[in-house]
Amino acid sequence: MSGAVSQALRKLKVAEVSAKIFGNTFNPTGERTGNYILRQNFRGEHMVRYYPSQLDRNLVKVPRLSRLVGEKLYDPNEIDRLNVLDKRRARGKGAPKKGEGKRASMSKKKK
């Protein structure tokens, strides 16, 4: 029996030495340590790039901001969008006015 115990101790010592050599953690009891979380890549920079900055969020509110400041601030994306809408309306492809849509015309036909 003592031979089996000494062999188990040798295996533990070999595992400990190999863990030191290869830079692994030595955990003979098998407890949860959380090392798998510490080994993962840091996600902070990616998260910062995903969410827009405060300045970008304020640029979305340009019309409201211009009213507060009292001067005209121009958003180039909004100007482009309005130009496209004007071109569509000129061709007759724009959205109908309120109360002139499909549902309103259907109810007029029934009467």
PDB file of N, CA and C in Angstrom:
ATOM      1  N   MET A   1       0.828  -1.187   0.000  1.00  0.00           N
ATOM      2  CA  MET A   1       0.000   0.000   0.000  1.00  0.00           C
ATOM      3  C   MET A   1       0.870   1.247   0.000  1.00  0.00           C
ATOM      4  N   SER A   2       1.983   1.204   0.724  1.00  0.00           N
ATOM      5  CA  SER A   2       2.854   2.371   0.772  1.00  0.00           C
ATOM      6  C   SER A   2       3.469   2.652  -0.595  1.00  0.00           C
ATOM      7  N   GLY A   3       3.591   1.616  -1.415  1.00  0.00           N
ATOM      8  CA  GLY A   3       4.119   1.809  -2.774  1.00  0.00           C
ATOM      9  C   GLY A   3       3.169   2.631  -3.619  1.00  0.00           C
ATOM     10  N   ALA A   4       1.859   2.392  -3.447  1.00  0.00           N
ATOM     11  CA  ALA A   4       0.856   3.142  -4.207  1.00  0.00           C
ATOM     12  C   ALA A   4       0.822   4.607  -3.755  1.00  0.00           C
ATOM     13  N   VAL A   5       1.003   4.835  -2.455  1.00  0.00           N
ATOM     14  CA  VAL A   5       0.987   6.197  -1.931  1.00  0.00           C
ATOM     15  C   VAL A   5       2.198   6.962  -2.432  1.00  0.00           C
ATOM     16  N   SER A   6       3.372   6.314  -2.396  1.00  0.00           N
ATOM     17  CA  SER A   6       4.581   6.996  -2.856  1.00  0.00           C
ATOM     18  C   SER A   6       4.504   7.274  -4.358  1.00  0.00           C
ATOM     19  N   GLN A   7       3.875   6.377  -5.104  1.00  0.00           N
ATOM     20  CA  GLN A   7       3.728   6.592  -6.543  1.00  0.00           C
ATOM     21  C   GLN A   7       2.781   7.771  -6.813  1.00  0.00           C
ATOM     22  N   ALA A   8       1.719   7.914  -6.020  1.00  0.00           N
ATOM     23  CA  ALA A   8       0.793   9.032  -6.171  1.00  0.00           C
ATOM     24  C   ALA A   8       1.492  10.347  -5.829  1.00  0.00           C
ATOM     25  N   LEU A   9       2.355  10.324  -4.780  1.00  0.00           N
ATOM     26  CA  LEU A   9       3.104  11.529  -4.433  1.00  0.00           C
ATOM     27  C   LEU A   9       4.073  11.917  -5.543  1.00  0.00           C
ATOM     28  N   ARG A  10       4.710  10.910  -6.151  1.00  0.00           N
ATOM     29  CA  ARG A  10       5.617  11.189  -7.264  1.00  0.00           C
ATOM     30  C   ARG A  10       4.866  11.834  -8.431  1.00  0.00           C
ATOM     31  N   LYS A  11       3.683  11.316  -8.719  1.00  0.00           N
ATOM     32  CA  LYS A  11       2.890  11.883  -9.821  1.00  0.00           C
ATOM     33  C   LYS A  11       2.520  13.342  -9.534  1.00  0.00           C
ATOM     34  N   LEU A  12       2.186  13.620  -8.264  1.00  0.00           N
ATOM     35  CA  LEU A  12       1.867  14.990  -7.889  1.00  0.00           C
ATOM     36  C   LEU A  12       3.075  15.909  -8.055  1.00  0.00           C
ATOM     37  N   LYS A  13       4.247  15.414  -7.630  1.00  0.00           N
ATOM     38  CA  LYS A  13       5.462  16.232  -7.748  1.00  0.00           C
ATOM     39  C   LYS A  13       5.809  16.468  -9.208  1.00  0.00           C
ATOM     40  N   VAL A  14       5.656  15.428 -10.039  1.00  0.00           N
ATOM     41  CA  VAL A  14       5.929  15.582 -11.470  1.00  0.00           C
ATOM     42  C   VAL A  14       4.952  16.593 -12.089  1.00  0.00           C
ATOM     43  N   ALA A  15       3.708  16.525 -11.705  1.00  0.00           N
ATOM     44  CA  ALA A  15       2.713  17.466 -12.221  1.00  0.00           C
ATOM     45  C   ALA A  15       3.038  18.885 -11.780  1.00  0.00           C
ATOM     46  N   GLU A  16       3.503  19.043 -10.537  1.00  0.00           N
ATOM     47  CA  GLU A  16       3.853  20.361 -10.034  1.00  0.00           C
ATOM     48  C   GLU A  16       5.052  20.943 -10.790  1.00  0.00           C
ATOM     49  N   VAL A  17       6.063  20.122 -11.000  1.00  0.00           N
ATOM     50  CA  VAL A  17       7.254  20.584 -11.715  1.00  0.00           C
ATOM     51  C   VAL A  17       6.909  20.924 -13.164  1.00  0.00           C
ATOM     52  N   SER A  18       6.096  20.082 -13.815  1.00  0.00           N
ATOM     53  CA  SER A  18       5.740  20.369 -15.212  1.00  0.00           C
ATOM     54  C   SER A  18       4.890  21.640 -15.308  1.00  0.00           C
ATOM     55  N   ALA A  19       4.067  21.889 -14.290  1.00  0.00           N
ATOM     56  CA  ALA A  19       3.281  23.113 -14.287  1.00  0.00           C
ATOM     57  C   ALA A  19       4.185  24.336 -14.182  1.00  0.00           C
ATOM     58  N   LYS A  20       5.248  24.244 -13.376  1.00  0.00           N
ATOM     59  CA  LYS A  20       6.194  25.354 -13.265  1.00  0.00           C
ATOM     60  C   LYS A  20       6.944  25.561 -14.580  1.00  0.00           C
ATOM     61  N   ILE A  21       7.339  24.456 -15.225  1.00  0.00           N
ATOM     62  CA  ILE A  21       8.109  24.558 -16.465  1.00  0.00           C
ATOM     63  C   ILE A  21       7.275  25.176 -17.589  1.00  0.00           C
ATOM     64  N   PHE A  22       6.044  24.708 -17.740  1.00  0.00           N
ATOM     65  CA  PHE A  22       5.223  25.142 -18.861  1.00  0.00           C
ATOM     66  C   PHE A  22       4.334  26.347 -18.539  1.00  0.00           C
ATOM     67  N   GLY A  23       4.427  26.867 -17.328  1.00  0.00           N
ATOM     68  CA  GLY A  23       3.672  28.067 -16.972  1.00  0.00           C
ATOM     69  C   GLY A  23       2.196  27.814 -16.728  1.00  0.00           C
ATOM     70  N   ASN A  24       1.836  26.596 -16.399  1.00  0.00           N
ATOM     71  CA  ASN A  24       0.441  26.282 -16.093  1.00  0.00           C
ATOM     72  C   ASN A  24       0.208  26.396 -14.596  1.00  0.00           C
ATOM     73  N   THR A  25      -1.060  26.404 -14.210  1.00  0.00           N
ATOM     74  CA  THR A  25      -1.361  26.435 -12.788  1.00  0.00           C
ATOM     75  C   THR A  25      -1.406  25.003 -12.257  1.00  0.00           C
ATOM     76  N   PHE A  26      -0.915  24.842 -11.065  1.00  0.00           N
ATOM     77  CA  PHE A  26      -0.933  23.526 -10.424  1.00  0.00           C
ATOM     78  C   PHE A  26      -2.114  23.496  -9.478  1.00  0.00           C
ATOM     79  N   ASN A  27      -3.072  22.639  -9.780  1.00  0.00           N
ATOM     80  CA  ASN A  27      -4.306  22.568  -9.005  1.00  0.00           C
ATOM     81  C   ASN A  27      -4.620  21.093  -8.718  1.00  0.00           C
ATOM     82  N   PRO A  28      -3.974  20.516  -7.708  1.00  0.00           N
ATOM     83  CA  PRO A  28      -4.166  19.077  -7.455  1.00  0.00           C
ATOM     84  C   PRO A  28      -5.565  18.729  -6.949  1.00  0.00           C
ATOM     85  N   THR A  29      -6.253  19.671  -6.296  1.00  0.00           N
ATOM     86  CA  THR A  29      -7.580  19.360  -5.767  1.00  0.00           C
ATOM     87  C   THR A  29      -8.674  19.566  -6.798  1.00  0.00           C
ATOM     88  N   GLY A  30      -8.387  20.254  -7.887  1.00  0.00           N
ATOM     89  CA  GLY A  30      -9.371  20.454  -8.955  1.00  0.00           C
ATOM     90  C   GLY A  30     -10.405  21.508  -8.626  1.00  0.00           C
ATOM     91  N   GLU A  31     -10.062  22.460  -7.762  1.00  0.00           N
ATOM     92  CA  GLU A  31     -11.006  23.528  -7.421  1.00  0.00           C
ATOM     93  C   GLU A  31     -11.145  24.496  -8.581  1.00  0.00           C
ATOM     94  N   ARG A  32     -12.285  25.190  -8.623  1.00  0.00           N
ATOM     95  CA  ARG A  32     -12.508  26.188  -9.665  1.00  0.00           C
ATOM     96  C   ARG A  32     -11.733  27.453  -9.306  1.00  0.00           C
ATOM     97  N   THR A  33     -10.933  27.942 -10.250  1.00  0.00           N
ATOM     98  CA  THR A  33     -10.081  29.089  -9.950  1.00  0.00           C
ATOM     99  C   THR A  33     -10.449  30.330 -10.755  1.00  0.00           C
ATOM    100  N   GLY A  34     -11.123  30.191 -11.874  1.00  0.00           N
ATOM    101  CA  GLY A  34     -11.465  31.341 -12.696  1.00  0.00           C
ATOM    102  C   GLY A  34     -10.364  31.737 -13.662  1.00  0.00           C
ATOM    103  N   ASN A  35      -9.355  30.882 -13.836  1.00  0.00           N
ATOM    104  CA  ASN A  35      -8.262  31.206 -14.751  1.00  0.00           C
ATOM    105  C   ASN A  35      -8.737  31.297 -16.193  1.00  0.00           C
ATOM    106  N   TYR A  36      -9.795  30.595 -16.549  1.00  0.00           N
ATOM    107  CA  TYR A  36     -10.274  30.652 -17.926  1.00  0.00           C
ATOM    108  C   TYR A  36     -10.771  32.053 -18.259  1.00  0.00           C
ATOM    109  N   ILE A  37     -11.247  32.777 -17.267  1.00  0.00           N
ATOM    110  CA  ILE A  37     -11.682  34.155 -17.500  1.00  0.00           C
ATOM    111  C   ILE A  37     -10.467  35.067 -17.645  1.00  0.00           C
ATOM    112  N   LEU A  38      -9.468  34.853 -16.815  1.00  0.00           N
ATOM    113  CA  LEU A  38      -8.274  35.695 -16.870  1.00  0.00           C
ATOM    114  C   LEU A  38      -7.473  35.466 -18.146  1.00  0.00           C
ATOM    115  N   ARG A  39      -7.588  34.288 -18.751  1.00  0.00           N
ATOM    116  CA  ARG A  39      -6.853  33.990 -19.988  1.00  0.00           C
ATOM    117  C   ARG A  39      -7.503  34.616 -21.214  1.00  0.00           C
ATOM    118  N   GLN A  40      -8.765  35.018 -21.133  1.00  0.00           N
ATOM    119  CA  GLN A  40      -9.455  35.571 -22.297  1.00  0.00           C
ATOM    120  C   GLN A  40      -8.900  36.949 -22.636  1.00  0.00           C
ATOM    121  N   ASN A  41      -9.049  37.314 -23.901  1.00  0.00           N
ATOM    122  CA  ASN A  41      -8.595  38.625 -24.342  1.00  0.00           C
ATOM    123  C   ASN A  41      -9.446  39.718 -23.688  1.00  0.00           C
ATOM    124  N   PHE A  42      -8.814  40.850 -23.456  1.00  0.00           N
ATOM    125  CA  PHE A  42      -9.506  41.976 -22.839  1.00  0.00           C
ATOM    126  C   PHE A  42     -10.472  42.580 -23.848  1.00  0.00           C
ATOM    127  N   ARG A  43     -11.726  42.777 -23.436  1.00  0.00           N
ATOM    128  CA  ARG A  43     -12.755  43.241 -24.355  1.00  0.00           C
ATOM    129  C   ARG A  43     -13.042  44.732 -24.237  1.00  0.00           C
ATOM    130  N   GLY A  44     -12.351  45.436 -23.382  1.00  0.00           N
ATOM    131  CA  GLY A  44     -12.669  46.827 -23.115  1.00  0.00           C
ATOM    132  C   GLY A  44     -12.594  47.729 -24.329  1.00  0.00           C
ATOM    133  N   GLU A  45     -11.503  47.602 -25.109  1.00  0.00           N
ATOM    134  CA  GLU A  45     -11.336  48.473 -26.272  1.00  0.00           C
ATOM    135  C   GLU A  45     -12.417  48.199 -27.309  1.00  0.00           C
ATOM    136  N   HIS A  46     -12.765  46.937 -27.481  1.00  0.00           N
ATOM    137  CA  HIS A  46     -13.807  46.582 -28.443  1.00  0.00           C
ATOM    138  C   HIS A  46     -15.149  47.163 -28.021  1.00  0.00           C
ATOM    139  N   MET A  47     -15.441  47.114 -26.731  1.00  0.00           N
ATOM    140  CA  MET A  47     -16.701  47.653 -26.229  1.00  0.00           C
ATOM    141  C   MET A  47     -16.744  49.170 -26.416  1.00  0.00           C
ATOM    142  N   VAL A  48     -15.622  49.831 -26.213  1.00  0.00           N
ATOM    143  CA  VAL A  48     -15.570  51.283 -26.370  1.00  0.00           C
ATOM    144  C   VAL A  48     -15.830  51.652 -27.827  1.00  0.00           C
ATOM    145  N   ARG A  49     -15.285  50.854 -28.760  1.00  0.00           N
ATOM    146  CA  ARG A  49     -15.504  51.145 -30.173  1.00  0.00           C
ATOM    147  C   ARG A  49     -16.934  50.834 -30.584  1.00  0.00           C
ATOM    148  N   TYR A  50     -17.602  49.896 -29.927  1.00  0.00           N
ATOM    149  CA  TYR A  50     -18.958  49.498 -30.305  1.00  0.00           C
ATOM    150  C   TYR A  50     -19.966  50.596 -29.962  1.00  0.00           C
ATOM    151  N   TYR A  51     -19.871  51.125 -28.770  1.00  0.00           N
ATOM    152  CA  TYR A  51     -20.817  52.145 -28.347  1.00  0.00           C
ATOM    153  C   TYR A  51     -20.325  53.520 -28.802  1.00  0.00           C
ATOM    154  N   PRO A  52     -21.201  54.355 -29.352  1.00  0.00           N
ATOM    155  CA  PRO A  52     -20.753  55.681 -29.805  1.00  0.00           C
ATOM    156  C   PRO A  52     -20.399  56.569 -28.619  1.00  0.00           C
ATOM    157  N   SER A  53     -19.510  57.508 -28.874  1.00  0.00           N
ATOM    158  CA  SER A  53     -19.100  58.412 -27.806  1.00  0.00           C
ATOM    159  C   SER A  53     -20.215  59.423 -27.533  1.00  0.00           C
ATOM    160  N   GLN A  54     -20.065  60.155 -26.461  1.00  0.00           N
ATOM    161  CA  GLN A  54     -21.074  61.139 -26.086  1.00  0.00           C
ATOM    162  C   GLN A  54     -21.195  62.210 -27.163  1.00  0.00           C
ATOM    163  N   LEU A  55     -20.077  62.591 -27.784  1.00  0.00           N
ATOM    164  CA  LEU A  55     -20.095  63.607 -28.830  1.00  0.00           C
ATOM    165  C   LEU A  55     -20.908  63.120 -30.031  1.00  0.00           C
ATOM    166  N   ASP A  56     -20.720  61.844 -30.429  1.00  0.00           N
ATOM    167  CA  ASP A  56     -21.476  61.303 -31.552  1.00  0.00           C
ATOM    168  C   ASP A  56     -22.970  61.273 -31.246  1.00  0.00           C
ATOM    169  N   ARG A  57     -23.330  60.946 -30.010  1.00  0.00           N
ATOM    170  CA  ARG A  57     -24.737  60.911 -29.643  1.00  0.00           C
ATOM    171  C   ARG A  57     -25.341  62.307 -29.667  1.00  0.00           C
ATOM    172  N   ASN A  58     -24.560  63.322 -29.329  1.00  0.00           N
ATOM    173  CA  ASN A  58     -25.068  64.689 -29.346  1.00  0.00           C
ATOM    174  C   ASN A  58     -25.236  65.195 -30.770  1.00  0.00           C
ATOM    175  N   LEU A  59     -24.431  64.687 -31.713  1.00  0.00           N
ATOM    176  CA  LEU A  59     -24.565  65.113 -33.102  1.00  0.00           C
ATOM    177  C   LEU A  59     -25.883  64.652 -33.700  1.00  0.00           C
ATOM    178  N   VAL A  60     -26.458  63.581 -33.164  1.00  0.00           N
ATOM    179  CA  VAL A  60     -27.741  63.106 -33.647  1.00  0.00           C
ATOM    180  C   VAL A  60     -28.824  64.125 -33.324  1.00  0.00           C
ATOM    181  N   LYS A  61     -28.646  64.853 -32.240  1.00  0.00           N
ATOM    182  CA  LYS A  61     -29.642  65.821 -31.786  1.00  0.00           C
ATOM    183  C   LYS A  61     -29.353  67.215 -32.338  1.00  0.00           C
ATOM    184  N   VAL A  62     -28.839  67.312 -33.554  1.00  0.00           N
ATOM    185  CA  VAL A  62     -28.422  68.589 -34.127  1.00  0.00           C
ATOM    186  C   VAL A  62     -29.567  69.594 -34.224  1.00  0.00           C
ATOM    187  N   PRO A  63     -30.758  69.228 -34.739  1.00  0.00           N
ATOM    188  CA  PRO A  63     -31.806  70.244 -34.838  1.00  0.00           C
ATOM    189  C   PRO A  63     -32.194  70.841 -33.484  1.00  0.00           C
ATOM    190  N   ARG A  64     -32.317  69.985 -32.467  1.00  0.00           N
ATOM    191  CA  ARG A  64     -32.671  70.479 -31.146  1.00  0.00           C
ATOM    192  C   ARG A  64     -31.561  71.363 -30.583  1.00  0.00           C
ATOM    193  N   LEU A  65     -30.327  70.952 -30.826  1.00  0.00           N
ATOM    194  CA  LEU A  65     -29.184  71.724 -30.359  1.00  0.00           C
ATOM    195  C   LEU A  65     -29.161  73.089 -31.017  1.00  0.00           C
ATOM    196  N   SER A  66     -29.478  73.150 -32.323  1.00  0.00           N
ATOM    197  CA  SER A  66     -29.427  74.429 -33.027  1.00  0.00           C
ATOM    198  C   SER A  66     -30.493  75.384 -32.485  1.00  0.00           C
ATOM    199  N   ARG A  67     -31.644  74.848 -32.080  1.00  0.00           N
ATOM    200  CA  ARG A  67     -32.674  75.711 -31.505  1.00  0.00           C
ATOM    201  C   ARG A  67     -32.217  76.282 -30.172  1.00  0.00           C
ATOM    202  N   LEU A  68     -31.488  75.462 -29.403  1.00  0.00           N
ATOM    203  CA  LEU A  68     -31.013  75.942 -28.109  1.00  0.00           C
ATOM    204  C   LEU A  68     -29.947  77.010 -28.277  1.00  0.00           C
ATOM    205  N   VAL A  69     -29.072  76.808 -29.238  1.00  0.00           N
ATOM    206  CA  VAL A  69     -27.969  77.741 -29.439  1.00  0.00           C
ATOM    207  C   VAL A  69     -28.468  79.002 -30.136  1.00  0.00           C
ATOM    208  N   GLY A  70     -29.484  78.869 -31.004  1.00  0.00           N
ATOM    209  CA  GLY A  70     -30.037  80.013 -31.691  1.00  0.00           C
ATOM    210  C   GLY A  70     -29.412  80.248 -33.053  1.00  0.00           C
ATOM    211  N   GLU A  71     -28.635  79.306 -33.529  1.00  0.00           N
ATOM    212  CA  GLU A  71     -28.054  79.441 -34.858  1.00  0.00           C
ATOM    213  C   GLU A  71     -28.249  78.131 -35.602  1.00  0.00           C
ATOM    214  N   LYS A  72     -28.078  78.183 -36.902  1.00  0.00           N
ATOM    215  CA  LYS A  72     -28.294  76.990 -37.722  1.00  0.00           C
ATOM    216  C   LYS A  72     -27.047  76.119 -37.712  1.00  0.00           C
ATOM    217  N   LEU A  73     -27.217  74.850 -37.338  1.00  0.00           N
ATOM    218  CA  LEU A  73     -26.164  73.846 -37.468  1.00  0.00           C
ATOM    219  C   LEU A  73     -26.624  72.857 -38.528  1.00  0.00           C
ATOM    220  N   TYR A  74     -25.753  72.493 -39.423  1.00  0.00           N
ATOM    221  CA  TYR A  74     -26.140  71.641 -40.535  1.00  0.00           C
ATOM    222  C   TYR A  74     -25.517  70.259 -40.387  1.00  0.00           C
ATOM    223  N   ASP A  75     -26.360  69.261 -40.572  1.00  0.00           N
ATOM    224  CA  ASP A  75     -25.914  67.878 -40.580  1.00  0.00           C
ATOM    225  C   ASP A  75     -25.897  67.415 -42.033  1.00  0.00           C
ATOM    226  N   PRO A  76     -24.740  67.081 -42.590  1.00  0.00           N
ATOM    227  CA  PRO A  76     -24.681  66.722 -44.010  1.00  0.00           C
ATOM    228  C   PRO A  76     -25.531  65.495 -44.356  1.00  0.00           C
ATOM    229  N   ASN A  77     -25.640  64.552 -43.452  1.00  0.00           N
ATOM    230  CA  ASN A  77     -26.466  63.369 -43.727  1.00  0.00           C
ATOM    231  C   ASN A  77     -27.939  63.751 -43.833  1.00  0.00           C
ATOM    232  N   GLU A  78     -28.375  64.661 -42.983  1.00  0.00           N
ATOM    233  CA  GLU A  78     -29.770  65.097 -43.014  1.00  0.00           C
ATOM    234  C   GLU A  78     -30.058  65.880 -44.298  1.00  0.00           C
ATOM    235  N   ILE A  79     -29.121  66.691 -44.733  1.00  0.00           N
ATOM    236  CA  ILE A  79     -29.288  67.452 -45.979  1.00  0.00           C
ATOM    237  C   ILE A  79     -29.391  66.503 -47.165  1.00  0.00           C
ATOM    238  N   ASP A  80     -28.537  65.467 -47.187  1.00  0.00           N
ATOM    239  CA  ASP A  80     -28.605  64.474 -48.270  1.00  0.00           C
ATOM    240  C   ASP A  80     -29.947  63.762 -48.266  1.00  0.00           C
ATOM    241  N   ARG A  81     -30.440  63.389 -47.088  1.00  0.00           N
ATOM    242  CA  ARG A  81     -31.720  62.693 -46.983  1.00  0.00           C
ATOM    243  C   ARG A  81     -32.856  63.566 -47.510  1.00  0.00           C
ATOM    244  N   LEU A  82     -32.847  64.848 -47.153  1.00  0.00           N
ATOM    245  CA  LEU A  82     -33.891  65.745 -47.625  1.00  0.00           C
ATOM    246  C   LEU A  82     -33.831  65.953 -49.135  1.00  0.00           C
ATOM    247  N   ASN A  83     -32.613  65.995 -49.694  1.00  0.00           N
ATOM    248  CA  ASN A  83     -32.468  66.125 -51.150  1.00  0.00           C
ATOM    249  C   ASN A  83     -33.042  64.913 -51.869  1.00  0.00           C
ATOM    250  N   VAL A  84     -32.781  63.717 -51.336  1.00  0.00           N
ATOM    251  CA  VAL A  84     -33.311  62.496 -51.947  1.00  0.00           C
ATOM    252  C   VAL A  84     -34.835  62.502 -51.881  1.00  0.00           C
ATOM    253  N   LEU A  85     -35.399  62.929 -50.752  1.00  0.00           N
ATOM    254  CA  LEU A  85     -36.852  62.989 -50.621  1.00  0.00           C
ATOM    255  C   LEU A  85     -37.462  63.982 -51.613  1.00  0.00           C
ATOM    256  N   ASP A  86     -36.803  65.126 -51.799  1.00  0.00           N
ATOM    257  CA  ASP A  86     -37.313  66.113 -52.761  1.00  0.00           C
ATOM    258  C   ASP A  86     -37.332  65.540 -54.176  1.00  0.00           C
ATOM    259  N   LYS A  87     -36.271  64.826 -54.542  1.00  0.00           N
ATOM    260  CA  LYS A  87     -36.212  64.221 -55.879  1.00  0.00           C
ATOM    261  C   LYS A  87     -37.307  63.170 -56.058  1.00  0.00           C
ATOM    262  N   ARG A  88     -37.552  62.380 -55.017  1.00  0.00           N
ATOM    263  CA  ARG A  88     -38.606  61.358 -55.100  1.00  0.00           C
ATOM    264  C   ARG A  88     -39.983  61.995 -55.234  1.00  0.00           C
ATOM    265  N   ARG A  89     -40.224  63.064 -54.471  1.00  0.00           N
ATOM    266  CA  ARG A  89     -41.513  63.751 -54.551  1.00  0.00           C
ATOM    267  C   ARG A  89     -41.734  64.354 -55.938  1.00  0.00           C
ATOM    268  N   ALA A  90     -40.666  64.865 -56.545  1.00  0.00           N
ATOM    269  CA  ALA A  90     -40.775  65.457 -57.878  1.00  0.00           C
ATOM    270  C   ALA A  90     -41.171  64.405 -58.913  1.00  0.00           C
ATOM    271  N   ARG A  91     -40.777  63.156 -58.688  1.00  0.00           N
ATOM    272  CA  ARG A  91     -41.139  62.073 -59.612  1.00  0.00           C
ATOM    273  C   ARG A  91     -42.470  61.426 -59.243  1.00  0.00           C
ATOM    274  N   GLY A  92     -43.054  61.845 -58.121  1.00  0.00           N
ATOM    275  CA  GLY A  92     -44.310  61.248 -57.682  1.00  0.00           C
ATOM    276  C   GLY A  92     -44.120  59.983 -56.868  1.00  0.00           C
ATOM    277  N   LYS A  93     -42.938  59.755 -56.340  1.00  0.00           N
ATOM    278  CA  LYS A  93     -42.639  58.536 -55.583  1.00  0.00           C
ATOM    279  C   LYS A  93     -42.587  58.781 -54.073  1.00  0.00           C
ATOM    280  N   GLY A  94     -42.850  59.968 -53.631  1.00  0.00           N
ATOM    281  CA  GLY A  94     -42.748  60.293 -52.213  1.00  0.00           C
ATOM    282  C   GLY A  94     -43.906  59.727 -51.412  1.00  0.00           C
ATOM    283  N   ALA A  95     -43.814  59.842 -50.120  1.00  0.00           N
ATOM    284  CA  ALA A  95     -44.877  59.363 -49.232  1.00  0.00           C
ATOM    285  C   ALA A  95     -46.103  60.260 -49.378  1.00  0.00           C
ATOM    286  N   PRO A  96     -47.307  59.700 -49.286  1.00  0.00           N
ATOM    287  CA  PRO A  96     -48.513  60.525 -49.401  1.00  0.00           C
ATOM    288  C   PRO A  96     -48.673  61.407 -48.166  1.00  0.00           C
ATOM    289  N   LYS A  97     -49.455  62.473 -48.312  1.00  0.00           N
ATOM    290  CA  LYS A  97     -49.731  63.339 -47.181  1.00  0.00           C
ATOM    291  C   LYS A  97     -50.629  62.596 -46.200  1.00  0.00           C
ATOM    292  N   LYS A  98     -50.690  63.099 -45.004  1.00  0.00           N
ATOM    293  CA  LYS A  98     -51.483  62.453 -43.969  1.00  0.00           C
ATOM    294  C   LYS A  98     -52.963  62.472 -44.365  1.00  0.00           C
ATOM    295  N   GLY A  99     -53.594  61.305 -44.283  1.00  0.00           N
ATOM    296  CA  GLY A  99     -54.999  61.192 -44.632  1.00  0.00           C
ATOM    297  C   GLY A  99     -55.236  60.909 -46.105  1.00  0.00           C
ATOM    298  N   GLU A 100     -54.188  60.769 -46.894  1.00  0.00           N
ATOM    299  CA  GLU A 100     -54.336  60.475 -48.312  1.00  0.00           C
ATOM    300  C   GLU A 100     -53.720  59.126 -48.667  1.00  0.00           C
ATOM    301  N   GLY A 101     -53.470  58.291 -47.677  1.00  0.00           N
ATOM    302  CA  GLY A 101     -52.816  57.009 -47.909  1.00  0.00           C
ATOM    303  C   GLY A 101     -53.771  55.943 -48.405  1.00  0.00           C
ATOM    304  N   LYS A 102     -53.310  54.701 -48.388  1.00  0.00           N
ATOM    305  CA  LYS A 102     -54.081  53.575 -48.918  1.00  0.00           C
ATOM    306  C   LYS A 102     -55.349  53.325 -48.102  1.00  0.00           C
ATOM    307  N   ARG A 103     -55.234  53.379 -46.802  1.00  0.00           N
ATOM    308  CA  ARG A 103     -56.400  53.100 -45.954  1.00  0.00           C
ATOM    309  C   ARG A 103     -57.473  54.169 -46.128  1.00  0.00           C
ATOM    310  N   ALA A 104     -57.046  55.418 -46.236  1.00  0.00           N
ATOM    311  CA  ALA A 104     -58.020  56.507 -46.385  1.00  0.00           C
ATOM    312  C   ALA A 104     -58.748  56.387 -47.717  1.00  0.00           C
ATOM    313  N   SER A 105     -58.027  56.010 -48.775  1.00  0.00           N
ATOM    314  CA  SER A 105     -58.675  55.886 -50.080  1.00  0.00           C
ATOM    315  C   SER A 105     -59.610  54.682 -50.120  1.00  0.00           C
ATOM    316  N   MET A 106     -59.310  53.642 -49.366  1.00  0.00           N
ATOM    317  CA  MET A 106     -60.203  52.457 -49.322  1.00  0.00           C
ATOM    318  C   MET A 106     -61.506  52.804 -48.639  1.00  0.00           C
ATOM    319  N   SER A 107     -61.459  53.572 -47.557  1.00  0.00           N
ATOM    320  CA  SER A 107     -62.697  53.897 -46.856  1.00  0.00           C
ATOM    321  C   SER A 107     -63.555  54.867 -47.672  1.00  0.00           C
ATOM    322  N   LYS A 108     -62.957  55.682 -48.521  1.00  0.00           N
ATOM    323  CA  LYS A 108     -63.718  56.592 -49.361  1.00  0.00           C
ATOM    324  C   LYS A 108     -64.471  55.840 -50.462  1.00  0.00           C
ATOM    325  N   LYS A 109     -63.876  54.738 -50.940  1.00  0.00           N
ATOM    326  CA  LYS A 109     -64.518  53.937 -51.981  1.00  0.00           C
ATOM    327  C   LYS A 109     -65.765  53.252 -51.475  1.00  0.00           C
ATOM    328  N   LYS A 110     -65.752  52.843 -50.203  1.00  0.00           N
ATOM    329  CA  LYS A 110     -66.907  52.117 -49.631  1.00  0.00           C
ATOM    330  C   LYS A 110     -68.136  52.999 -49.537  1.00  0.00           C
ATOM    331  N   LYS A 111     -67.964  54.270 -49.304  1.00  0.00           N
ATOM    332  CA  LYS A 111     -69.091  55.189 -49.086  1.00  0.00           C
ATOM    333  C   LYS A 111     -69.792  55.559 -50.341  1.00  0.00           C
TER     334      LYS A 111
END
